[in-house]
Protein backbone atom coordinates (compact mmCIF):
# COMPACT_ATOMS: atom_id res chain seq x y z
CA MET A 1 0.00 0.00 0.00
CA ALA A 2 2.86 2.35 0.84
CA ARG A 3 4.57 1.59 -2.48
CA ALA A 4 1.32 2.36 -4.32
CA GLY A 5 1.09 5.70 -2.57
CA VAL A 6 4.68 6.58 -3.44
CA LEU A 7 4.10 5.55 -7.05
CA ALA A 8 0.97 7.71 -7.25
CA LEU A 9 2.86 10.71 -5.90
CA ALA A 10 5.64 10.11 -8.42
CA VAL A 11 3.18 9.99 -11.28
CA LEU A 12 1.50 13.21 -10.15
CA TRP A 13 4.85 14.93 -9.69
CA GLY A 14 5.99 13.79 -13.12
CA ALA A 15 2.77 15.05 -14.69
CA GLY A 16 3.26 18.41 -13.00
CA VAL A 17 6.83 18.69 -14.27
CA ALA A 18 5.75 17.74 -17.79
CA ARG A 19 3.00 20.33 -17.67
CA ALA A 20 5.35 23.01 -16.38
CA GLN A 21 7.81 22.24 -19.15
CA ARG A 22 5.19 22.40 -21.87
CA PRO A 23 6.39 24.98 -24.39
CA THR A 24 4.50 28.20 -24.91
CA PHE A 25 1.99 27.94 -27.72
CA THR A 26 2.86 29.72 -30.96
CA TRP A 27 0.58 30.28 -33.92
CA ASP A 28 1.35 28.25 -37.02
CA VAL A 29 -0.73 29.21 -40.06
CA PRO A 30 0.11 27.30 -43.26
CA ARG A 31 1.28 29.07 -46.43
CA VAL A 32 1.56 32.56 -44.94
CA LEU A 33 1.95 35.36 -47.49
CA GLU A 34 2.16 38.31 -45.11
CA THR A 35 1.73 39.17 -41.44
CA VAL A 36 0.46 42.40 -39.91
CA ASP A 37 0.98 42.98 -36.18
CA VAL A 38 -1.69 45.19 -34.62
CA PRO A 39 0.22 47.70 -32.44
CA GLY A 40 -0.57 48.00 -28.77
CA VAL A 41 -2.84 45.92 -26.59
CA MET A 42 -6.60 46.32 -26.68
CA ARG A 43 -8.95 45.45 -23.83
CA ALA A 44 -12.15 43.46 -24.25
CA ASP A 45 -14.32 43.47 -21.13
CA GLY A 46 -11.23 44.43 -19.13
CA ILE A 47 -9.09 41.61 -20.54
CA PRO A 48 -5.87 42.52 -22.41
CA VAL A 49 -5.89 41.11 -25.94
CA LYS A 50 -3.07 40.95 -28.48
CA LEU A 51 -4.08 40.82 -32.13
CA ARG A 52 -2.31 39.81 -35.32
CA SER A 53 -3.55 39.49 -38.89
CA VAL A 54 -2.18 36.94 -41.34
CA ARG A 55 -2.94 36.44 -45.03
CA SER A 56 -2.53 32.87 -46.25
CA ALA A 57 -2.64 31.20 -49.65
CA GLU A 58 -4.43 28.21 -48.10
CA ARG A 59 -8.20 27.58 -48.12
CA PRO A 60 -10.21 28.43 -44.95
CA GLU A 61 -11.26 24.81 -44.31
CA VAL A 62 -7.65 23.63 -44.42
CA ILE A 63 -6.51 26.37 -42.03
CA LEU A 64 -9.42 25.61 -39.71
CA GLN A 65 -8.51 21.94 -39.38
CA HIS A 66 -4.81 22.74 -39.03
CA LEU A 67 -5.39 25.15 -36.14
CA VAL A 68 -7.82 22.78 -34.44
CA ASP A 69 -5.13 20.08 -34.61
CA ARG A 70 -2.65 22.55 -33.11
CA PHE A 71 -5.00 23.35 -30.24
CA GLN A 72 -5.57 19.68 -29.53
CA ALA A 73 -1.85 18.87 -29.67
CA ALA A 74 -1.20 21.65 -27.16
CA GLY A 75 -3.75 20.12 -24.78
CA PHE A 76 -6.05 23.14 -24.82
CA TYR A 77 -9.68 23.03 -23.76
CA ILE A 78 -12.05 23.47 -26.72
CA PRO A 79 -15.68 24.12 -25.69
CA PRO A 80 -18.30 21.81 -27.19
CA ASP A 81 -20.44 23.22 -29.99
CA ALA A 82 -23.41 23.78 -27.66
CA HIS A 83 -21.34 26.13 -25.47
CA ARG A 84 -19.88 28.30 -28.21
CA THR A 85 -21.07 31.82 -28.97
CA GLN A 86 -20.84 32.81 -32.64
CA ARG A 87 -20.67 36.61 -32.80
CA VAL A 88 -19.71 36.82 -36.48
CA ALA A 89 -20.60 34.91 -39.63
CA GLU A 90 -17.01 33.92 -40.45
CA PRO A 91 -15.59 30.64 -39.08
CA GLN A 92 -14.03 31.13 -35.66
CA LEU A 93 -12.83 29.09 -32.70
CA THR A 94 -11.53 29.79 -29.21
CA ALA A 95 -9.42 27.42 -27.12
CA LEU A 96 -8.13 27.84 -23.56
CA ASP A 97 -4.74 27.08 -22.10
CA THR A 98 -6.01 26.06 -18.67
CA ASP A 99 -2.52 26.19 -17.12
CA ARG A 100 -1.63 29.74 -18.13
CA LEU A 101 -5.24 31.02 -18.42
CA ILE A 102 -4.66 32.37 -21.90
CA SER A 103 -7.34 31.98 -24.54
CA TYR A 104 -6.50 31.75 -28.23
CA THR A 105 -9.04 32.76 -30.88
CA PHE A 106 -8.92 32.80 -34.65
CA PHE A 107 -11.30 34.17 -37.30
CA LEU A 108 -11.18 33.14 -40.96
CA GLN A 109 -12.27 35.30 -43.88
CA ALA A 110 -12.14 34.10 -47.48
CA ASN A 111 -10.92 36.76 -49.92
CA ARG A 112 -11.94 37.20 -53.55
CA ASP A 113 -8.40 36.54 -54.76
CA GLY A 114 -8.45 33.03 -53.29
CA THR A 115 -6.42 33.89 -50.20
CA THR A 116 -7.62 33.74 -46.61
CA THR A 117 -7.29 36.43 -43.97
CA VAL A 118 -6.74 34.99 -40.49
CA LEU A 119 -7.20 37.20 -37.43
CA LEU A 120 -5.35 35.78 -34.43
CA GLY A 121 -6.04 36.87 -30.86
CA GLU A 122 -4.55 36.04 -27.46
CA ALA A 123 -6.39 37.08 -24.28
CA ASN A 124 -4.62 36.97 -20.91
CA LEU A 125 -7.43 36.13 -18.51
CA LYS A 126 -5.19 36.40 -15.44
CA ARG A 127 -4.71 40.11 -16.08
CA ALA A 128 -8.39 40.98 -16.37
CA ARG A 129 -9.57 44.09 -14.62
CA LYS A 130 -13.13 44.57 -13.53
CA GLU A 131 -15.15 46.94 -15.68
CA GLN A 132 -17.11 49.22 -13.37
CA HIS A 133 -19.54 50.76 -15.86
CA THR A 134 -20.28 51.40 -19.52
CA PHE A 135 -19.49 54.75 -21.14
CA ALA A 136 -22.91 55.01 -22.82
CA PRO A 137 -26.47 53.92 -21.98
CA VAL A 138 -27.69 50.46 -22.98
CA PHE A 139 -31.20 49.93 -24.30
CA PRO A 140 -33.27 48.02 -21.69
CA GLY A 141 -33.01 44.28 -22.25
CA GLY A 142 -29.65 44.44 -24.04
CA THR A 143 -27.60 41.24 -23.83
CA ASP A 144 -24.20 39.91 -24.89
CA LEU A 145 -22.45 43.15 -23.91
CA LEU A 146 -18.87 43.38 -25.16
CA ARG A 147 -16.64 46.30 -24.22
CA SER A 148 -13.19 47.01 -25.63
CA GLU A 149 -10.57 49.74 -25.42
CA MET A 150 -7.66 50.46 -27.75
CA GLU A 151 -5.58 53.52 -28.66
CA GLY A 152 -7.94 56.12 -27.27
CA ALA A 153 -11.10 54.49 -28.64
CA ARG A 154 -13.70 52.62 -26.62
CA THR A 155 -16.39 50.40 -28.07
CA LEU A 156 -19.51 48.83 -26.67
CA SER A 157 -21.58 46.30 -28.60
CA TYR A 158 -24.66 44.32 -27.66
CA THR A 159 -27.88 42.90 -29.07
CA VAL A 160 -31.45 43.57 -28.05
CA LYS A 161 -34.87 42.39 -29.16
CA ALA A 162 -36.57 45.61 -30.20
CA GLU A 163 -37.55 47.67 -33.22
CA PRO A 164 -34.61 49.63 -34.68
CA ALA A 165 -36.70 52.82 -34.60
CA LYS A 166 -37.30 52.39 -30.87
CA VAL A 167 -33.59 51.93 -30.22
CA GLY A 168 -32.85 55.00 -32.31
CA GLU A 169 -35.37 57.07 -30.34
CA PHE A 170 -33.80 55.82 -27.11
CA TYR A 171 -30.37 57.13 -28.04
CA LEU A 172 -31.82 60.35 -29.43
CA THR A 173 -33.30 61.11 -26.01
CA GLU A 174 -30.49 59.75 -23.84
CA LEU A 175 -27.62 61.42 -25.69
CA ARG A 176 -29.34 64.80 -25.89
CA THR A 177 -29.98 64.60 -22.15
CA ALA A 178 -26.29 63.78 -21.61
CA GLY A 179 -25.25 66.93 -23.49
CA PHE A 180 -24.39 65.42 -26.88
CA THR A 181 -25.27 67.14 -30.16
CA GLU A 182 -25.95 65.11 -33.32
CA GLU A 183 -23.75 66.51 -36.10
CA ALA A 184 -24.50 63.82 -38.69
CA ASP A 185 -26.58 60.69 -38.91
CA GLY A 186 -25.36 58.55 -36.00
CA VAL A 187 -22.45 60.89 -35.14
CA TRP A 188 -22.69 62.76 -31.83
CA ARG A 189 -20.30 65.27 -30.26
CA ARG A 190 -19.83 66.64 -26.76
CA GLY A 191 -16.81 68.89 -26.41
CA GLY A 192 -13.79 66.79 -27.33
CA GLU A 193 -15.78 63.54 -27.41
CA GLU A 194 -17.21 61.95 -30.53
CA LEU A 195 -19.70 59.11 -30.14
CA ARG A 196 -20.90 57.04 -33.09
CA VAL A 197 -24.03 54.92 -32.85
CA GLY A 198 -24.58 52.10 -35.34
CA LEU A 199 -27.70 49.95 -35.55
CA ARG A 200 -28.06 46.82 -37.65
CA PRO A 201 -31.26 44.72 -37.75
CA GLY A 202 -30.68 40.99 -37.33
CA PRO A 203 -32.68 37.77 -37.34
CA GLY A 204 -35.39 37.06 -34.81
CA GLY A 205 -36.35 40.71 -34.38
CA ARG A 206 -33.02 41.53 -32.72
CA VAL A 207 -30.89 44.60 -33.32
CA SER A 208 -27.10 44.73 -33.09
CA VAL A 209 -25.90 47.96 -31.51
CA LEU A 210 -22.34 49.27 -31.82
CA LEU A 211 -21.14 52.36 -29.96
CA LEU A 212 -17.73 53.90 -30.65
CA LEU A 213 -16.38 56.68 -28.42
CA ARG A 214 -13.29 58.64 -29.38
CA THR A 215 -11.69 61.57 -27.60
CA HIS A 216 -9.90 64.18 -29.67
CA PRO A 217 -9.42 67.96 -29.72
CA ASP A 218 -12.60 69.92 -30.39
CA ASP A 219 -11.67 70.96 -33.92
CA GLY A 220 -15.23 71.28 -35.13
CA VAL A 221 -14.76 68.77 -37.92
CA VAL A 222 -17.78 66.57 -38.53
CA GLY A 223 -16.93 62.88 -38.68
CA ALA A 224 -17.80 60.55 -41.53
CA GLN A 225 -20.81 58.30 -41.53
CA PRO A 226 -20.42 55.25 -39.27
CA GLN A 227 -19.90 52.02 -41.17
CA THR A 228 -22.46 50.22 -39.04
CA ASP A 229 -25.51 52.29 -40.00
CA ALA A 230 -28.70 50.32 -40.45
CA ARG A 231 -29.28 49.32 -44.03
């Protein structure tokens, strides 16, 4: 019995050493044509995220399987399909390094020239900071809130089941009350702050809302139309 206990401890110790010596995961995208590093570190819901964009000559389905194999070989946790949240239409997957508490996410976008753009993200969950509040009001019933911060810009996105006109009226009232002035369709200004409001109808009677806040000198220049206007 004593020998069995010693053996069990040895196995556990050996597993711990092997885990500690596991090399840091590195991205490996096949047939890379070019790489673009996104400068700085953005924050998504208080979590620091590093981003990198890669253009590959390989097809999306081949890259998808290759990166899944890489995640599995690294021993990462991949959530089952039922637990995944698909925020965009393009193929995506997130895996978690449970030892280092770093999540790895990739998005795939097929290009017209036959290449594939791969957006790679690493989120350090151990360095998360608690978000105390949002910088703009949220329509009642809004869900799936996602906040991010990068290079002087802050974004807030969420979805809500409501009529787009009702959401638009909500922001018309709330932002005017907060001292903002609408200078163009969906573009609001208050002193040195510029807030853009984008609404996009979705399936099931839901509306996707995107808010972008930027701080810059009050130069009186009216911003361009937001790319997320309802169509």
